[in-house]
PDB file of N, CA and C in Angstrom:
ATOM      1  N   ALA A   1      11.472  -5.873 -68.958  1.00  0.00           N
ATOM      2  CA  ALA A   1      11.955  -6.060 -67.606  1.00  0.00           C
ATOM      3  C   ALA A   1      11.633  -4.821 -66.781  1.00  0.00           C
ATOM      4  N   GLN A   2      11.150  -5.040 -65.593  1.00  0.00           N
ATOM      5  CA  GLN A   2      10.743  -3.949 -64.710  1.00  0.00           C
ATOM      6  C   GLN A   2      11.903  -3.588 -63.793  1.00  0.00           C
ATOM      7  N   GLN A   3      12.192  -2.280 -63.718  1.00  0.00           N
ATOM      8  CA  GLN A   3      13.272  -1.820 -62.850  1.00  0.00           C
ATOM      9  C   GLN A   3      12.709  -1.488 -61.478  1.00  0.00           C
ATOM     10  N   GLU A   4      13.335  -1.997 -60.430  1.00  0.00           N
ATOM     11  CA  GLU A   4      12.878  -1.739 -59.068  1.00  0.00           C
ATOM     12  C   GLU A   4      13.544  -0.473 -58.551  1.00  0.00           C
ATOM     13  N   THR A   5      12.752   0.417 -57.954  1.00  0.00           N
ATOM     14  CA  THR A   5      13.273   1.658 -57.412  1.00  0.00           C
ATOM     15  C   THR A   5      13.707   1.444 -55.970  1.00  0.00           C
ATOM     16  N   GLN A   6      14.937   1.831 -55.661  1.00  0.00           N
ATOM     17  CA  GLN A   6      15.441   1.739 -54.298  1.00  0.00           C
ATOM     18  C   GLN A   6      15.066   3.017 -53.554  1.00  0.00           C
ATOM     19  N   MET A   7      14.577   2.884 -52.332  1.00  0.00           N
ATOM     20  CA  MET A   7      14.229   4.032 -51.508  1.00  0.00           C
ATOM     21  C   MET A   7      15.513   4.555 -50.875  1.00  0.00           C
ATOM     22  N   THR A   8      15.976   5.702 -51.323  1.00  0.00           N
ATOM     23  CA  THR A   8      17.179   6.321 -50.780  1.00  0.00           C
ATOM     24  C   THR A   8      16.775   7.498 -49.891  1.00  0.00           C
ATOM     25  N   TRP A   9      17.730   8.004 -49.109  1.00  0.00           N
ATOM     26  CA  TRP A   9      17.441   9.161 -48.256  1.00  0.00           C
ATOM     27  C   TRP A   9      17.099  10.381 -49.101  1.00  0.00           C
ATOM     28  N   LYS A  10      17.745  10.520 -50.248  1.00  0.00           N
ATOM     29  CA  LYS A  10      17.468  11.650 -51.140  1.00  0.00           C
ATOM     30  C   LYS A  10      16.027  11.580 -51.651  1.00  0.00           C
ATOM     31  N   LEU A  11      15.607  10.403 -52.092  1.00  0.00           N
ATOM     32  CA  LEU A  11      14.244  10.225 -52.582  1.00  0.00           C
ATOM     33  C   LEU A  11      13.227  10.425 -51.461  1.00  0.00           C
ATOM     34  N   LEU A  12      13.532   9.920 -50.283  1.00  0.00           N
ATOM     35  CA  LEU A  12      12.649  10.086 -49.134  1.00  0.00           C
ATOM     36  C   LEU A  12      12.519  11.565 -48.760  1.00  0.00           C
ATOM     37  N   LEU A  13      13.627  12.307 -48.814  1.00  0.00           N
ATOM     38  CA  LEU A  13      13.600  13.740 -48.530  1.00  0.00           C
ATOM     39  C   LEU A  13      12.735  14.477 -49.550  1.00  0.00           C
ATOM     40  N   LEU A  14      12.880  14.133 -50.827  1.00  0.00           N
ATOM     41  CA  LEU A  14      12.055  14.761 -51.860  1.00  0.00           C
ATOM     42  C   LEU A  14      10.572  14.461 -51.652  1.00  0.00           C
ATOM     43  N   GLN A  15      10.251  13.247 -51.269  1.00  0.00           N
ATOM     44  CA  GLN A  15       8.864  12.882 -50.991  1.00  0.00           C
ATOM     45  C   GLN A  15       8.338  13.692 -49.803  1.00  0.00           C
ATOM     46  N   GLY A  16       9.174  13.857 -48.771  1.00  0.00           N
ATOM     47  CA  GLY A  16       8.785  14.637 -47.607  1.00  0.00           C
ATOM     48  C   GLY A  16       8.537  16.093 -47.948  1.00  0.00           C
ATOM     49  N   ILE A  17       9.396  16.663 -48.797  1.00  0.00           N
ATOM     50  CA  ILE A  17       9.216  18.052 -49.215  1.00  0.00           C
ATOM     51  C   ILE A  17       7.919  18.198 -50.011  1.00  0.00           C
ATOM     52  N   ALA A  18       7.651  17.248 -50.894  1.00  0.00           N
ATOM     53  CA  ALA A  18       6.403  17.296 -51.672  1.00  0.00           C
ATOM     54  C   ALA A  18       5.188  17.223 -50.753  1.00  0.00           C
ATOM     55  N   THR A  19       5.251  16.382 -49.742  1.00  0.00           N
ATOM     56  CA  THR A  19       4.151  16.269 -48.781  1.00  0.00           C
ATOM     57  C   THR A  19       3.983  17.569 -48.002  1.00  0.00           C
ATOM     58  N   ALA A  20       5.097  18.175 -47.613  1.00  0.00           N
ATOM     59  CA  ALA A  20       5.034  19.429 -46.861  1.00  0.00           C
ATOM     60  C   ALA A  20       4.432  20.552 -47.705  1.00  0.00           C
ATOM     61  N   ILE A  21       4.785  20.609 -48.982  1.00  0.00           N
ATOM     62  CA  ILE A  21       4.219  21.630 -49.870  1.00  0.00           C
ATOM     63  C   ILE A  21       2.724  21.414 -50.025  1.00  0.00           C
ATOM     64  N   ASP A  22       2.323  20.171 -50.158  1.00  0.00           N
ATOM     65  CA  ASP A  22       0.899  19.852 -50.276  1.00  0.00           C
ATOM     66  C   ASP A  22       0.152  20.268 -49.008  1.00  0.00           C
ATOM     67  N   ALA A  23       0.718  19.963 -47.842  1.00  0.00           N
ATOM     68  CA  ALA A  23       0.082  20.341 -46.581  1.00  0.00           C
ATOM     69  C   ALA A  23       0.034  21.862 -46.434  1.00  0.00           C
ATOM     70  N   LEU A  24       1.076  22.548 -46.904  1.00  0.00           N
ATOM     71  CA  LEU A  24       1.076  24.012 -46.872  1.00  0.00           C
ATOM     72  C   LEU A  24      -0.056  24.572 -47.716  1.00  0.00           C
ATOM     73  N   ALA A  25      -0.273  23.995 -48.890  1.00  0.00           N
ATOM     74  CA  ALA A  25      -1.359  24.459 -49.755  1.00  0.00           C
ATOM     75  C   ALA A  25      -2.717  24.287 -49.075  1.00  0.00           C
ATOM     76  N   VAL A  26      -2.900  23.181 -48.387  1.00  0.00           N
ATOM     77  CA  VAL A  26      -4.150  22.952 -47.659  1.00  0.00           C
ATOM     78  C   VAL A  26      -4.299  23.973 -46.539  1.00  0.00           C
ATOM     79  N   GLY A  27      -3.214  24.248 -45.833  1.00  0.00           N
ATOM     80  CA  GLY A  27      -3.247  25.229 -44.749  1.00  0.00           C
ATOM     81  C   GLY A  27      -3.584  26.621 -45.244  1.00  0.00           C
ATOM     82  N   ILE A  28      -3.011  26.993 -46.376  1.00  0.00           N
ATOM     83  CA  ILE A  28      -3.324  28.299 -46.964  1.00  0.00           C
ATOM     84  C   ILE A  28      -4.789  28.351 -47.378  1.00  0.00           C
ATOM     85  N   SER A  29      -5.303  27.249 -47.901  1.00  0.00           N
ATOM     86  CA  SER A  29      -6.718  27.199 -48.279  1.00  0.00           C
ATOM     87  C   SER A  29      -7.614  27.374 -47.055  1.00  0.00           C
ATOM     88  N   PHE A  30      -7.268  26.692 -45.960  1.00  0.00           N
ATOM     89  CA  PHE A  30      -8.036  26.855 -44.720  1.00  0.00           C
ATOM     90  C   PHE A  30      -8.015  28.302 -44.254  1.00  0.00           C
ATOM     91  N   ALA A  31      -6.827  28.910 -44.294  1.00  0.00           N
ATOM     92  CA  ALA A  31      -6.697  30.298 -43.838  1.00  0.00           C
ATOM     93  C   ALA A  31      -7.496  31.241 -44.740  1.00  0.00           C
ATOM     94  N   ALA A  32      -7.469  31.006 -46.049  1.00  0.00           N
ATOM     95  CA  ALA A  32      -8.200  31.857 -46.986  1.00  0.00           C
ATOM     96  C   ALA A  32      -9.706  31.741 -46.786  1.00  0.00           C
ATOM     97  N   LEU A  33     -10.160  30.548 -46.445  1.00  0.00           N
ATOM     98  CA  LEU A  33     -11.589  30.348 -46.216  1.00  0.00           C
ATOM     99  C   LEU A  33     -12.026  30.886 -44.858  1.00  0.00           C
ATOM    100  N   GLY A  34     -11.071  31.028 -43.952  1.00  0.00           N
ATOM    101  CA  GLY A  34     -11.392  31.506 -42.615  1.00  0.00           C
ATOM    102  C   GLY A  34     -12.187  30.508 -41.798  1.00  0.00           C
ATOM    103  N   SER A  35     -12.111  29.211 -42.178  1.00  0.00           N
ATOM    104  CA  SER A  35     -12.908  28.199 -41.490  1.00  0.00           C
ATOM    105  C   SER A  35     -12.338  27.790 -40.144  1.00  0.00           C
ATOM    106  N   PHE A  36     -11.025  27.855 -39.990  1.00  0.00           N
ATOM    107  CA  PHE A  36     -10.370  27.422 -38.763  1.00  0.00           C
ATOM    108  C   PHE A  36      -9.355  28.473 -38.347  1.00  0.00           C
ATOM    109  N   SER A  37      -8.994  28.459 -37.073  1.00  0.00           N
ATOM    110  CA  SER A  37      -7.850  29.266 -36.660  1.00  0.00           C
ATOM    111  C   SER A  37      -6.601  28.566 -37.176  1.00  0.00           C
ATOM    112  N   VAL A  38      -5.517  29.300 -37.291  1.00  0.00           N
ATOM    113  CA  VAL A  38      -4.289  28.733 -37.832  1.00  0.00           C
ATOM    114  C   VAL A  38      -3.798  27.574 -36.969  1.00  0.00           C
ATOM    115  N   SER A  39      -3.869  27.697 -35.656  1.00  0.00           N
ATOM    116  CA  SER A  39      -3.363  26.626 -34.785  1.00  0.00           C
ATOM    117  C   SER A  39      -4.183  25.351 -34.934  1.00  0.00           C
ATOM    118  N   ILE A  40      -5.486  25.469 -35.083  1.00  0.00           N
ATOM    119  CA  ILE A  40      -6.321  24.278 -35.301  1.00  0.00           C
ATOM    120  C   ILE A  40      -6.006  23.651 -36.653  1.00  0.00           C
ATOM    121  N   ALA A  41      -5.860  24.480 -37.685  1.00  0.00           N
ATOM    122  CA  ALA A  41      -5.532  23.966 -39.022  1.00  0.00           C
ATOM    123  C   ALA A  41      -4.190  23.242 -38.999  1.00  0.00           C
ATOM    124  N   VAL A  42      -3.189  23.823 -38.338  1.00  0.00           N
ATOM    125  CA  VAL A  42      -1.871  23.195 -38.256  1.00  0.00           C
ATOM    126  C   VAL A  42      -1.969  21.851 -37.538  1.00  0.00           C
ATOM    127  N   GLY A  43      -2.718  21.798 -36.443  1.00  0.00           N
ATOM    128  CA  GLY A  43      -2.885  20.544 -35.706  1.00  0.00           C
ATOM    129  C   GLY A  43      -3.556  19.464 -36.528  1.00  0.00           C
ATOM    130  N   ILE A  44      -4.612  19.838 -37.229  1.00  0.00           N
ATOM    131  CA  ILE A  44      -5.331  18.867 -38.072  1.00  0.00           C
ATOM    132  C   ILE A  44      -4.433  18.364 -39.191  1.00  0.00           C
ATOM    133  N   ILE A  45      -3.764  19.285 -39.870  1.00  0.00           N
ATOM    134  CA  ILE A  45      -2.895  18.902 -40.993  1.00  0.00           C
ATOM    135  C   ILE A  45      -1.753  18.010 -40.499  1.00  0.00           C
ATOM    136  N   ALA A  46      -1.143  18.364 -39.374  1.00  0.00           N
ATOM    137  CA  ALA A  46      -0.041  17.555 -38.838  1.00  0.00           C
ATOM    138  C   ALA A  46      -0.511  16.154 -38.466  1.00  0.00           C
ATOM    139  N   ALA A  47      -1.654  16.060 -37.802  1.00  0.00           N
ATOM    140  CA  ALA A  47      -2.168  14.751 -37.374  1.00  0.00           C
ATOM    141  C   ALA A  47      -2.516  13.871 -38.573  1.00  0.00           C
ATOM    142  N   VAL A  48      -3.197  14.448 -39.546  1.00  0.00           N
ATOM    143  CA  VAL A  48      -3.604  13.666 -40.722  1.00  0.00           C
ATOM    144  C   VAL A  48      -2.382  13.258 -41.542  1.00  0.00           C
ATOM    145  N   THR A  49      -1.457  14.195 -41.774  1.00  0.00           N
ATOM    146  CA  THR A  49      -0.262  13.883 -42.552  1.00  0.00           C
ATOM    147  C   THR A  49       0.571  12.795 -41.879  1.00  0.00           C
ATOM    148  N   CYS A  50       0.753  12.900 -40.568  1.00  0.00           N
ATOM    149  CA  CYS A  50       1.525  11.901 -39.834  1.00  0.00           C
ATOM    150  C   CYS A  50       0.843  10.530 -39.887  1.00  0.00           C
ATOM    151  N   SER A  51      -0.462  10.504 -39.637  1.00  0.00           N
ATOM    152  CA  SER A  51      -1.210   9.240 -39.639  1.00  0.00           C
ATOM    153  C   SER A  51      -1.160   8.566 -41.001  1.00  0.00           C
ATOM    154  N   LEU A  52      -1.409   9.335 -42.051  1.00  0.00           N
ATOM    155  CA  LEU A  52      -1.410   8.753 -43.389  1.00  0.00           C
ATOM    156  C   LEU A  52      -0.010   8.345 -43.833  1.00  0.00           C
ATOM    157  N   SER A  53       1.017   9.078 -43.395  1.00  0.00           N
ATOM    158  CA  SER A  53       2.392   8.694 -43.723  1.00  0.00           C
ATOM    159  C   SER A  53       2.745   7.363 -43.076  1.00  0.00           C
ATOM    160  N   ILE A  54       2.362   7.197 -41.816  1.00  0.00           N
ATOM    161  CA  ILE A  54       2.609   5.929 -41.125  1.00  0.00           C
ATOM    162  C   ILE A  54       1.862   4.789 -41.817  1.00  0.00           C
ATOM    163  N   CYS A  55       0.607   5.021 -42.167  1.00  0.00           N
ATOM    164  CA  CYS A  55      -0.169   3.994 -42.888  1.00  0.00           C
ATOM    165  C   CYS A  55       0.489   3.658 -44.222  1.00  0.00           C
ATOM    166  N   GLY A  56       0.994   4.677 -44.921  1.00  0.00           N
ATOM    167  CA  GLY A  56       1.661   4.453 -46.199  1.00  0.00           C
ATOM    168  C   GLY A  56       2.920   3.623 -46.061  1.00  0.00           C
ATOM    169  N   VAL A  57       3.705   3.906 -45.029  1.00  0.00           N
ATOM    170  CA  VAL A  57       4.927   3.132 -44.801  1.00  0.00           C
ATOM    171  C   VAL A  57       4.582   1.676 -44.483  1.00  0.00           C
ATOM    172  N   LEU A  58       3.597   1.467 -43.628  1.00  0.00           N
ATOM    173  CA  LEU A  58       3.204   0.093 -43.275  1.00  0.00           C
ATOM    174  C   LEU A  58       2.646  -0.654 -44.484  1.00  0.00           C
ATOM    175  N   ALA A  59       1.813   0.027 -45.280  1.00  0.00           N
ATOM    176  CA  ALA A  59       1.273  -0.605 -46.489  1.00  0.00           C
ATOM    177  C   ALA A  59       2.387  -0.889 -47.487  1.00  0.00           C
ATOM    178  N   GLY A  60       3.341   0.035 -47.596  1.00  0.00           N
ATOM    179  CA  GLY A  60       4.467  -0.164 -48.508  1.00  0.00           C
ATOM    180  C   GLY A  60       5.322  -1.355 -48.119  1.00  0.00           C
ATOM    181  N   LYS A  61       5.533  -1.540 -46.824  1.00  0.00           N
ATOM    182  CA  LYS A  61       6.300  -2.705 -46.355  1.00  0.00           C
ATOM    183  C   LYS A  61       5.587  -4.000 -46.707  1.00  0.00           C
ATOM    184  N   ARG A  62       4.268  -3.969 -46.586  1.00  0.00           N
ATOM    185  CA  ARG A  62       3.507  -5.197 -46.806  1.00  0.00           C
ATOM    186  C   ARG A  62       3.288  -5.506 -48.286  1.00  0.00           C
ATOM    187  N   PHE A  63       2.932  -4.479 -49.071  1.00  0.00           N
ATOM    188  CA  PHE A  63       2.531  -4.709 -50.463  1.00  0.00           C
ATOM    189  C   PHE A  63       3.502  -4.129 -51.488  1.00  0.00           C
ATOM    190  N   GLY A  64       4.557  -3.465 -51.046  1.00  0.00           N
ATOM    191  CA  GLY A  64       5.451  -2.739 -51.941  1.00  0.00           C
ATOM    192  C   GLY A  64       6.042  -3.565 -53.062  1.00  0.00           C
ATOM    193  N   ALA A  65       6.480  -4.752 -52.769  1.00  0.00           N
ATOM    194  CA  ALA A  65       7.119  -5.581 -53.796  1.00  0.00           C
ATOM    195  C   ALA A  65       6.146  -5.958 -54.905  1.00  0.00           C
ATOM    196  N   HIS A  66       4.882  -6.107 -54.567  1.00  0.00           N
ATOM    197  CA  HIS A  66       3.888  -6.535 -55.554  1.00  0.00           C
ATOM    198  C   HIS A  66       3.322  -5.371 -56.364  1.00  0.00           C
ATOM    199  N   LEU A  67       3.268  -4.191 -55.753  1.00  0.00           N
ATOM    200  CA  LEU A  67       2.555  -3.075 -56.390  1.00  0.00           C
ATOM    201  C   LEU A  67       3.421  -1.861 -56.697  1.00  0.00           C
ATOM    202  N   SER A  68       4.733  -1.967 -56.617  1.00  0.00           N
ATOM    203  CA  SER A  68       5.596  -0.789 -56.652  1.00  0.00           C
ATOM    204  C   SER A  68       5.325   0.145 -57.828  1.00  0.00           C
ATOM    205  N   SER A  69       5.444  -0.325 -59.053  1.00  0.00           N
ATOM    206  CA  SER A  69       5.268   0.579 -60.195  1.00  0.00           C
ATOM    207  C   SER A  69       3.804   0.982 -60.360  1.00  0.00           C
ATOM    208  N   LYS A  70       2.892   0.064 -60.100  1.00  0.00           N
ATOM    209  CA  LYS A  70       1.475   0.385 -60.226  1.00  0.00           C
ATOM    210  C   LYS A  70       1.052   1.418 -59.187  1.00  0.00           C
ATOM    211  N   ALA A  71       1.592   1.323 -57.979  1.00  0.00           N
ATOM    212  CA  ALA A  71       1.241   2.259 -56.918  1.00  0.00           C
ATOM    213  C   ALA A  71       1.730   3.662 -57.235  1.00  0.00           C
ATOM    214  N   GLN A  72       2.908   3.797 -57.824  1.00  0.00           N
ATOM    215  CA  GLN A  72       3.422   5.116 -58.188  1.00  0.00           C
ATOM    216  C   GLN A  72       2.540   5.758 -59.254  1.00  0.00           C
ATOM    217  N   ILE A  73       2.151   4.996 -60.241  1.00  0.00           N
ATOM    218  CA  ILE A  73       1.286   5.513 -61.302  1.00  0.00           C
ATOM    219  C   ILE A  73      -0.081   5.877 -60.741  1.00  0.00           C
ATOM    220  N   PHE A  74      -0.651   4.994 -59.931  1.00  0.00           N
ATOM    221  CA  PHE A  74      -1.960   5.258 -59.331  1.00  0.00           C
ATOM    222  C   PHE A  74      -1.919   6.503 -58.442  1.00  0.00           C
ATOM    223  N   GLY A  75      -0.875   6.626 -57.615  1.00  0.00           N
ATOM    224  CA  GLY A  75      -0.735   7.792 -56.735  1.00  0.00           C
ATOM    225  C   GLY A  75      -0.622   9.084 -57.529  1.00  0.00           C
ATOM    226  N   GLY A  76       0.171   9.059 -58.581  1.00  0.00           N
ATOM    227  CA  GLY A  76       0.317  10.242 -59.432  1.00  0.00           C
ATOM    228  C   GLY A  76      -0.992  10.633 -60.097  1.00  0.00           C
ATOM    229  N   LEU A  77      -1.690   9.639 -60.638  1.00  0.00           N
ATOM    230  CA  LEU A  77      -2.984   9.922 -61.273  1.00  0.00           C
ATOM    231  C   LEU A  77      -4.008  10.432 -60.261  1.00  0.00           C
ATOM    232  N   LEU A  78      -3.973   9.882 -59.063  1.00  0.00           N
ATOM    233  CA  LEU A  78      -4.882  10.321 -58.016  1.00  0.00           C
ATOM    234  C   LEU A  78      -4.628  11.782 -57.652  1.00  0.00           C
ATOM    235  N   LEU A  79      -3.367  12.161 -57.489  1.00  0.00           N
ATOM    236  CA  LEU A  79      -3.043  13.550 -57.163  1.00  0.00           C
ATOM    237  C   LEU A  79      -3.417  14.502 -58.304  1.00  0.00           C
ATOM    238  N   ILE A  80      -3.185  14.086 -59.537  1.00  0.00           N
ATOM    239  CA  ILE A  80      -3.584  14.909 -60.681  1.00  0.00           C
ATOM    240  C   ILE A  80      -5.096  15.076 -60.701  1.00  0.00           C
ATOM    241  N   GLY A  81      -5.826  13.991 -60.444  1.00  0.00           N
ATOM    242  CA  GLY A  81      -7.294  14.060 -60.415  1.00  0.00           C
ATOM    243  C   GLY A  81      -7.810  14.993 -59.335  1.00  0.00           C
ATOM    244  N   ILE A  82      -7.218  14.918 -58.141  1.00  0.00           N
ATOM    245  CA  ILE A  82      -7.632  15.805 -57.053  1.00  0.00           C
ATOM    246  C   ILE A  82      -7.355  17.263 -57.428  1.00  0.00           C
ATOM    247  N   GLY A  83      -6.176  17.514 -57.990  1.00  0.00           N
ATOM    248  CA  GLY A  83      -5.831  18.874 -58.413  1.00  0.00           C
ATOM    249  C   GLY A  83      -6.791  19.405 -59.463  1.00  0.00           C
ATOM    250  N   LEU A  84      -7.126  18.568 -60.442  1.00  0.00           N
ATOM    251  CA  LEU A  84      -8.073  18.986 -61.480  1.00  0.00           C
ATOM    252  C   LEU A  84      -9.457  19.260 -60.907  1.00  0.00           C
ATOM    253  N   LYS A  85      -9.900  18.426 -59.971  1.00  0.00           N
ATOM    254  CA  LYS A  85     -11.208  18.629 -59.357  1.00  0.00           C
ATOM    255  C   LYS A  85     -11.259  19.969 -58.631  1.00  0.00           C
ATOM    256  N   ILE A  86     -10.213  20.255 -57.862  1.00  0.00           N
ATOM    257  CA  ILE A  86     -10.161  21.524 -57.132  1.00  0.00           C
ATOM    258  C   ILE A  86     -10.119  22.693 -58.106  1.00  0.00           C
ATOM    259  N   PHE A  87      -9.292  22.586 -59.141  1.00  0.00           N
ATOM    260  CA  PHE A  87      -9.182  23.657 -60.138  1.00  0.00           C
ATOM    261  C   PHE A  87     -10.515  23.908 -60.812  1.00  0.00           C
ATOM    262  N   ILE A  88     -11.188  22.844 -61.256  1.00  0.00           N
ATOM    263  CA  ILE A  88     -12.471  22.996 -61.961  1.00  0.00           C
ATOM    264  C   ILE A  88     -13.538  23.560 -61.030  1.00  0.00           C
ATOM    265  N   SER A  89     -13.586  23.078 -59.792  1.00  0.00           N
ATOM    266  CA  SER A  89     -14.610  23.584 -58.859  1.00  0.00           C
ATOM    267  C   SER A  89     -14.398  25.059 -58.561  1.00  0.00           C
ATOM    268  N   HIS A  90     -13.134  25.517 -58.496  1.00  0.00           N
ATOM    269  CA  HIS A  90     -12.871  26.941 -58.254  1.00  0.00           C
ATOM    270  C   HIS A  90     -13.178  27.774 -59.490  1.00  0.00           C
ATOM    271  N   MET A  91     -12.954  27.227 -60.659  1.00  0.00           N
ATOM    272  CA  MET A  91     -13.240  27.968 -61.891  1.00  0.00           C
ATOM    273  C   MET A  91     -14.748  28.139 -62.072  1.00  0.00           C
ATOM    274  N   ILE A  92     -15.507  27.107 -61.720  1.00  0.00           N
ATOM    275  CA  ILE A  92     -16.968  27.186 -61.864  1.00  0.00           C
ATOM    276  C   ILE A  92     -17.562  28.096 -60.781  1.00  0.00           C
ATOM    277  N   ALA A  93     -17.067  27.962 -59.543  1.00  0.00           N
ATOM    278  CA  ALA A  93     -17.596  28.752 -58.425  1.00  0.00           C
ATOM    279  C   ALA A  93     -17.147  30.214 -58.516  1.00  0.00           C
ATOM    280  N   GLY A  94     -15.986  30.458 -59.129  1.00  0.00           N
ATOM    281  CA  GLY A  94     -15.406  31.808 -59.170  1.00  0.00           C
ATOM    282  C   GLY A  94     -16.064  32.627 -60.195  1.00  0.00           C
TER     283      GLY A  94
END
């Protein structure tokens, strides 16, 4: 039997904090590379994060009941894969 996860304010807050930490890491990477000014990097990160969050909420409303557990696993694996790719590329380039 599959257990359905209820979206609570606590869980939503934790998801928001995780997203903010991820965006902070991207901002620090931009600053370290010196590719953008801080204000441009902040604007880009804010716009992309907001847009993708809205898309995620809309997709979740539409497909959430059908894909809930699969989407969590896929999202986690995707983030792990992105992290590994970045780690490996920095280890090879460094």
